[in-house]
């Protein structure tokens, strides 16, 4: 672990590259977990309650009648 720390702090561009790599891995990892969780919750709600009625819009409000 100490050798990795020495390598990362050996130069400015090495530090920037390592920082960019680690932050992108963390960002996409957390974002993926959040998306998977939200899709599973949405799937459970659709399975329990069914699809919304045709007279509702995307927000769940009633569509204006023509």
PDB file of N, CA and C in Angstrom:
ATOM      1  N   UNK A   1       0.824  -1.191   0.000  1.00  0.00           N
ATOM      2  CA  UNK A   1       0.000   0.000   0.000  1.00  0.00           C
ATOM      3  C   UNK A   1       0.873   1.261   0.000  1.00  0.00           C
ATOM      4  N   UNK A   2       1.970   1.190   0.719  1.00  0.00           N
ATOM      5  CA  UNK A   2       2.868   2.338   0.780  1.00  0.00           C
ATOM      6  C   UNK A   2       3.526   2.604  -0.571  1.00  0.00           C
ATOM      7  N   UNK A   3       3.820   1.521  -1.315  1.00  0.00           N
ATOM      8  CA  UNK A   3       4.408   1.696  -2.642  1.00  0.00           C
ATOM      9  C   UNK A   3       3.429   2.363  -3.591  1.00  0.00           C
ATOM     10  N   UNK A   4       2.149   2.005  -3.483  1.00  0.00           N
ATOM     11  CA  UNK A   4       1.125   2.642  -4.313  1.00  0.00           C
ATOM     12  C   UNK A   4       1.009   4.122  -3.990  1.00  0.00           C
ATOM     13  N   UNK A   5       1.060   4.459  -2.725  1.00  0.00           N
ATOM     14  CA  UNK A   5       1.003   5.865  -2.325  1.00  0.00           C
ATOM     15  C   UNK A   5       2.218   6.634  -2.842  1.00  0.00           C
ATOM     16  N   UNK A   6       3.388   6.020  -2.796  1.00  0.00           N
ATOM     17  CA  UNK A   6       4.589   6.666  -3.333  1.00  0.00           C
ATOM     18  C   UNK A   6       4.467   6.874  -4.837  1.00  0.00           C
ATOM     19  N   UNK A   7       3.896   5.879  -5.541  1.00  0.00           N
ATOM     20  CA  UNK A   7       3.732   6.000  -6.992  1.00  0.00           C
ATOM     21  C   UNK A   7       2.754   7.113  -7.341  1.00  0.00           C
ATOM     22  N   UNK A   8       1.633   7.175  -6.623  1.00  0.00           N
ATOM     23  CA  UNK A   8       0.610   8.175  -6.923  1.00  0.00           C
ATOM     24  C   UNK A   8       1.138   9.573  -6.665  1.00  0.00           C
ATOM     25  N   UNK A   9       1.931   9.742  -5.652  1.00  0.00           N
ATOM     26  CA  UNK A   9       2.457  11.069  -5.328  1.00  0.00           C
ATOM     27  C   UNK A   9       3.788  11.362  -6.012  1.00  0.00           C
ATOM     28  N   UNK A  10       4.191  10.522  -6.968  1.00  0.00           N
ATOM     29  CA  UNK A  10       5.485  10.725  -7.623  1.00  0.00           C
ATOM     30  C   UNK A  10       5.471  11.868  -8.629  1.00  0.00           C
ATOM     31  N   UNK A  11       4.323  12.209  -9.132  1.00  0.00           N
ATOM     32  CA  UNK A  11       4.262  13.295 -10.103  1.00  0.00           C
ATOM     33  C   UNK A  11       2.857  13.868 -10.190  1.00  0.00           C
ATOM     34  N   UNK A  12       2.775  15.073 -10.727  1.00  0.00           N
ATOM     35  CA  UNK A  12       1.487  15.761 -10.808  1.00  0.00           C
ATOM     36  C   UNK A  12       0.518  15.017 -11.721  1.00  0.00           C
ATOM     37  N   UNK A  13       0.970  14.642 -12.931  1.00  0.00           N
ATOM     38  CA  UNK A  13       0.072  14.001 -13.888  1.00  0.00           C
ATOM     39  C   UNK A  13      -0.287  12.586 -13.466  1.00  0.00           C
ATOM     40  N   UNK A  14       0.594  11.912 -12.768  1.00  0.00           N
ATOM     41  CA  UNK A  14       0.264  10.590 -12.230  1.00  0.00           C
ATOM     42  C   UNK A  14      -0.843  10.730 -11.194  1.00  0.00           C
ATOM     43  N   UNK A  15      -0.721  11.761 -10.354  1.00  0.00           N
ATOM     44  CA  UNK A  15      -1.748  12.006  -9.345  1.00  0.00           C
ATOM     45  C   UNK A  15      -3.093  12.347  -9.994  1.00  0.00           C
ATOM     46  N   UNK A  16      -3.068  13.235 -11.009  1.00  0.00           N
ATOM     47  CA  UNK A  16      -4.310  13.633 -11.684  1.00  0.00           C
ATOM     48  C   UNK A  16      -4.946  12.431 -12.376  1.00  0.00           C
ATOM     49  N   UNK A  17      -4.136  11.615 -13.038  1.00  0.00           N
ATOM     50  CA  UNK A  17      -4.668  10.430 -13.712  1.00  0.00           C
ATOM     51  C   UNK A  17      -5.266   9.430 -12.755  1.00  0.00           C
ATOM     52  N   UNK A  18      -4.586   9.179 -11.664  1.00  0.00           N
ATOM     53  CA  UNK A  18      -5.097   8.248 -10.656  1.00  0.00           C
ATOM     54  C   UNK A  18      -6.358   8.781 -10.009  1.00  0.00           C
ATOM     55  N   UNK A  19      -6.371  10.078  -9.714  1.00  0.00           N
ATOM     56  CA  UNK A  19      -7.562  10.696  -9.122  1.00  0.00           C
ATOM     57  C   UNK A  19      -8.750  10.611 -10.072  1.00  0.00           C
ATOM     58  N   UNK A  20      -8.525  10.891 -11.364  1.00  0.00           N
ATOM     59  CA  UNK A  20      -9.609  10.823 -12.349  1.00  0.00           C
ATOM     60  C   UNK A  20     -10.124   9.400 -12.497  1.00  0.00           C
ATOM     61  N   UNK A  21      -9.218   8.451 -12.505  1.00  0.00           N
ATOM     62  CA  UNK A  21      -9.614   7.052 -12.631  1.00  0.00           C
ATOM     63  C   UNK A  21     -10.438   6.595 -11.433  1.00  0.00           C
ATOM     64  N   UNK A  22      -9.979   6.902 -10.241  1.00  0.00           N
ATOM     65  CA  UNK A  22     -10.688   6.467  -9.031  1.00  0.00           C
ATOM     66  C   UNK A  22     -12.037   7.156  -8.878  1.00  0.00           C
ATOM     67  N   UNK A  23     -12.099   8.456  -9.182  1.00  0.00           N
ATOM     68  CA  UNK A  23     -13.378   9.147  -9.050  1.00  0.00           C
ATOM     69  C   UNK A  23     -14.386   8.688 -10.087  1.00  0.00           C
ATOM     70  N   UNK A  24     -13.922   8.367 -11.302  1.00  0.00           N
ATOM     71  CA  UNK A  24     -14.865   7.878 -12.310  1.00  0.00           C
ATOM     72  C   UNK A  24     -15.378   6.486 -11.954  1.00  0.00           C
ATOM     73  N   UNK A  25     -14.508   5.630 -11.429  1.00  0.00           N
ATOM     74  CA  UNK A  25     -14.956   4.307 -10.982  1.00  0.00           C
ATOM     75  C   UNK A  25     -15.968   4.452  -9.857  1.00  0.00           C
ATOM     76  N   UNK A  26     -15.708   5.318  -8.902  1.00  0.00           N
ATOM     77  CA  UNK A  26     -16.625   5.535  -7.791  1.00  0.00           C
ATOM     78  C   UNK A  26     -17.951   6.120  -8.277  1.00  0.00           C
ATOM     79  N   UNK A  27     -17.886   7.100  -9.166  1.00  0.00           N
ATOM     80  CA  UNK A  27     -19.105   7.739  -9.681  1.00  0.00           C
ATOM     81  C   UNK A  27     -19.992   6.745 -10.410  1.00  0.00           C
ATOM     82  N   UNK A  28     -19.414   6.008 -11.365  1.00  0.00           N
ATOM     83  CA  UNK A  28     -20.219   5.079 -12.144  1.00  0.00           C
ATOM     84  C   UNK A  28     -20.670   3.887 -11.315  1.00  0.00           C
ATOM     85  N   UNK A  29     -19.901   3.500 -10.342  1.00  0.00           N
ATOM     86  CA  UNK A  29     -20.321   2.419  -9.459  1.00  0.00           C
ATOM     87  C   UNK A  29     -21.515   2.800  -8.606  1.00  0.00           C
ATOM     88  N   UNK A  30     -21.447   3.960  -7.982  1.00  0.00           N
ATOM     89  CA  UNK A  30     -22.557   4.427  -7.148  1.00  0.00           C
ATOM     90  C   UNK A  30     -23.782   4.716  -8.004  1.00  0.00           C
ATOM     91  N   UNK A  31     -23.570   5.342  -9.164  1.00  0.00           N
ATOM     92  CA  UNK A  31     -24.681   5.642 -10.055  1.00  0.00           C
ATOM     93  C   UNK A  31     -25.359   4.358 -10.527  1.00  0.00           C
ATOM     94  N   UNK A  32     -24.581   3.324 -10.809  1.00  0.00           N
ATOM     95  CA  UNK A  32     -25.152   2.051 -11.231  1.00  0.00           C
ATOM     96  C   UNK A  32     -25.982   1.407 -10.142  1.00  0.00           C
ATOM     97  N   UNK A  33     -25.493   1.457  -8.917  1.00  0.00           N
ATOM     98  CA  UNK A  33     -26.243   0.886  -7.792  1.00  0.00           C
ATOM     99  C   UNK A  33     -27.554   1.639  -7.593  1.00  0.00           C
ATOM    100  N   UNK A  34     -27.524   2.950  -7.703  1.00  0.00           N
ATOM    101  CA  UNK A  34     -28.747   3.744  -7.544  1.00  0.00           C
ATOM    102  C   UNK A  34     -29.746   3.432  -8.647  1.00  0.00           C
ATOM    103  N   UNK A  35     -29.274   3.310  -9.904  1.00  0.00           N
ATOM    104  CA  UNK A  35     -30.181   2.993 -11.010  1.00  0.00           C
ATOM    105  C   UNK A  35     -30.791   1.610 -10.860  1.00  0.00           C
ATOM    106  N   UNK A  36     -29.970   0.628 -10.499  1.00  0.00           N
ATOM    107  CA  UNK A  36     -30.498  -0.724 -10.321  1.00  0.00           C
ATOM    108  C   UNK A  36     -31.535  -0.751  -9.207  1.00  0.00           C
ATOM    109  N   UNK A  37     -31.258  -0.063  -8.100  1.00  0.00           N
ATOM    110  CA  UNK A  37     -32.197  -0.028  -6.977  1.00  0.00           C
ATOM    111  C   UNK A  37     -33.503   0.636  -7.369  1.00  0.00           C
ATOM    112  N   UNK A  38     -33.428   1.772  -8.065  1.00  0.00           N
ATOM    113  CA  UNK A  38     -34.655   2.472  -8.440  1.00  0.00           C
ATOM    114  C   UNK A  38     -35.467   1.664  -9.441  1.00  0.00           C
ATOM    115  N   UNK A  39     -34.813   0.968 -10.366  1.00  0.00           N
ATOM    116  CA  UNK A  39     -35.538   0.135 -11.332  1.00  0.00           C
ATOM    117  C   UNK A  39     -36.199  -1.057 -10.648  1.00  0.00           C
ATOM    118  N   UNK A  40     -35.542  -1.636  -9.651  1.00  0.00           N
ATOM    119  CA  UNK A  40     -36.158  -2.741  -8.924  1.00  0.00           C
ATOM    120  C   UNK A  40     -37.371  -2.275  -8.124  1.00  0.00           C
ATOM    121  N   UNK A  41     -37.282  -1.084  -7.524  1.00  0.00           N
ATOM    122  CA  UNK A  41     -38.424  -0.541  -6.788  1.00  0.00           C
ATOM    123  C   UNK A  41     -39.571  -0.250  -7.744  1.00  0.00           C
ATOM    124  N   UNK A  42     -39.252   0.312  -8.934  1.00  0.00           N
ATOM    125  CA  UNK A  42     -40.301   0.591  -9.930  1.00  0.00           C
ATOM    126  C   UNK A  42     -40.936  -0.708 -10.404  1.00  0.00           C
ATOM    127  N   UNK A  43     -40.136  -1.745 -10.623  1.00  0.00           N
ATOM    128  CA  UNK A  43     -40.663  -3.040 -11.027  1.00  0.00           C
ATOM    129  C   UNK A  43     -41.611  -3.596  -9.967  1.00  0.00           C
ATOM    130  N   UNK A  44     -41.237  -3.483  -8.709  1.00  0.00           N
ATOM    131  CA  UNK A  44     -42.090  -3.978  -7.626  1.00  0.00           C
ATOM    132  C   UNK A  44     -43.411  -3.204  -7.581  1.00  0.00           C
ATOM    133  N   UNK A  45     -43.361  -1.886  -7.785  1.00  0.00           N
ATOM    134  CA  UNK A  45     -44.591  -1.092  -7.760  1.00  0.00           C
ATOM    135  C   UNK A  45     -45.504  -1.445  -8.932  1.00  0.00           C
ATOM    136  N   UNK A  46     -44.937  -1.663 -10.107  1.00  0.00           N
ATOM    137  CA  UNK A  46     -45.763  -2.034 -11.266  1.00  0.00           C
ATOM    138  C   UNK A  46     -46.355  -3.420 -11.069  1.00  0.00           C
ATOM    139  N   UNK A  47     -45.580  -4.343 -10.506  1.00  0.00           N
ATOM    140  CA  UNK A  47     -46.111  -5.680 -10.257  1.00  0.00           C
ATOM    141  C   UNK A  47     -47.225  -5.653  -9.208  1.00  0.00           C
ATOM    142  N   UNK A  48     -47.087  -4.806  -8.193  1.00  0.00           N
ATOM    143  CA  UNK A  48     -48.104  -4.751  -7.139  1.00  0.00           C
ATOM    144  C   UNK A  48     -49.354  -3.977  -7.565  1.00  0.00           C
ATOM    145  N   UNK A  49     -49.163  -2.847  -8.250  1.00  0.00           N
ATOM    146  CA  UNK A  49     -50.285  -1.954  -8.546  1.00  0.00           C
ATOM    147  C   UNK A  49     -50.717  -1.959 -10.001  1.00  0.00           C
ATOM    148  N   UNK A  50     -49.933  -2.514 -10.884  1.00  0.00           N
ATOM    149  CA  UNK A  50     -50.257  -2.531 -12.310  1.00  0.00           C
ATOM    150  C   UNK A  50     -49.835  -1.234 -12.981  1.00  0.00           C
ATOM    151  N   UNK A  51     -50.013  -1.211 -14.316  1.00  0.00           N
ATOM    152  CA  UNK A  51     -49.651  -0.016 -15.083  1.00  0.00           C
ATOM    153  C   UNK A  51     -50.636   1.106 -14.790  1.00  0.00           C
ATOM    154  N   UNK A  52     -50.210   2.368 -14.922  1.00  0.00           N
ATOM    155  CA  UNK A  52     -51.135   3.476 -14.707  1.00  0.00           C
ATOM    156  C   UNK A  52     -52.228   3.501 -15.780  1.00  0.00           C
ATOM    157  N   UNK A  53     -53.347   4.082 -15.427  1.00  0.00           N
ATOM    158  CA  UNK A  53     -54.461   4.190 -16.374  1.00  0.00           C
ATOM    159  C   UNK A  53     -54.083   5.079 -17.549  1.00  0.00           C
ATOM    160  N   UNK A  54     -54.817   4.956 -18.650  1.00  0.00           N
ATOM    161  CA  UNK A  54     -54.533   5.736 -19.848  1.00  0.00           C
ATOM    162  C   UNK A  54     -54.871   7.215 -19.686  1.00  0.00           C
ATOM    163  N   UNK A  55     -55.758   7.555 -18.752  1.00  0.00           N
ATOM    164  CA  UNK A  55     -56.121   8.962 -18.582  1.00  0.00           C
ATOM    165  C   UNK A  55     -55.130   9.736 -17.709  1.00  0.00           C
ATOM    166  N   UNK A  56     -54.047   9.099 -17.269  1.00  0.00           N
ATOM    167  CA  UNK A  56     -53.020   9.768 -16.472  1.00  0.00           C
ATOM    168  C   UNK A  56     -51.814  10.094 -17.343  1.00  0.00           C
ATOM    169  N   UNK A  57     -51.156  11.229 -17.033  1.00  0.00           N
ATOM    170  CA  UNK A  57     -49.923  11.568 -17.737  1.00  0.00           C
ATOM    171  C   UNK A  57     -48.722  10.993 -16.981  1.00  0.00           C
ATOM    172  N   UNK A  58     -47.521  11.381 -17.378  1.00  0.00           N
ATOM    173  CA  UNK A  58     -46.305  10.802 -16.796  1.00  0.00           C
ATOM    174  C   UNK A  58     -46.147  11.132 -15.319  1.00  0.00           C
ATOM    175  N   UNK A  59     -46.706  12.264 -14.851  1.00  0.00           N
ATOM    176  CA  UNK A  59     -46.602  12.650 -13.444  1.00  0.00           C
ATOM    177  C   UNK A  59     -47.645  11.998 -12.558  1.00  0.00           C
ATOM    178  N   UNK A  60     -48.648  11.361 -13.172  1.00  0.00           N
ATOM    179  CA  UNK A  60     -49.731  10.785 -12.405  1.00  0.00           C
ATOM    180  C   UNK A  60     -50.917  11.715 -12.301  1.00  0.00           C
ATOM    181  N   UNK A  61     -50.854  12.861 -12.960  1.00  0.00           N
ATOM    182  CA  UNK A  61     -51.983  13.802 -12.985  1.00  0.00           C
ATOM    183  C   UNK A  61     -52.942  13.392 -14.110  1.00  0.00           C
ATOM    184  N   UNK A  62     -54.210  13.794 -13.956  1.00  0.00           N
ATOM    185  CA  UNK A  62     -55.177  13.500 -15.008  1.00  0.00           C
ATOM    186  C   UNK A  62     -54.912  14.381 -16.218  1.00  0.00           C
ATOM    187  N   UNK A  63     -54.998  13.800 -17.414  1.00  0.00           N
ATOM    188  CA  UNK A  63     -54.806  14.539 -18.662  1.00  0.00           C
ATOM    189  C   UNK A  63     -56.010  15.436 -18.879  1.00  0.00           C
ATOM    190  N   UNK A  64     -55.779  16.621 -19.489  1.00  0.00           N
ATOM    191  CA  UNK A  64     -56.935  17.467 -19.795  1.00  0.00           C
ATOM    192  C   UNK A  64     -57.794  16.799 -20.883  1.00  0.00           C
ATOM    193  N   UNK A  65     -59.097  16.922 -20.713  1.00  0.00           N
ATOM    194  CA  UNK A  65     -60.021  16.333 -21.695  1.00  0.00           C
ATOM    195  C   UNK A  65     -60.139  17.277 -22.887  1.00  0.00           C
ATOM    196  N   UNK A  66     -60.163  16.688 -24.060  1.00  0.00           N
ATOM    197  CA  UNK A  66     -60.288  17.485 -25.283  1.00  0.00           C
ATOM    198  C   UNK A  66     -61.719  17.944 -25.510  1.00  0.00           C
TER     199      UNK A  66
END
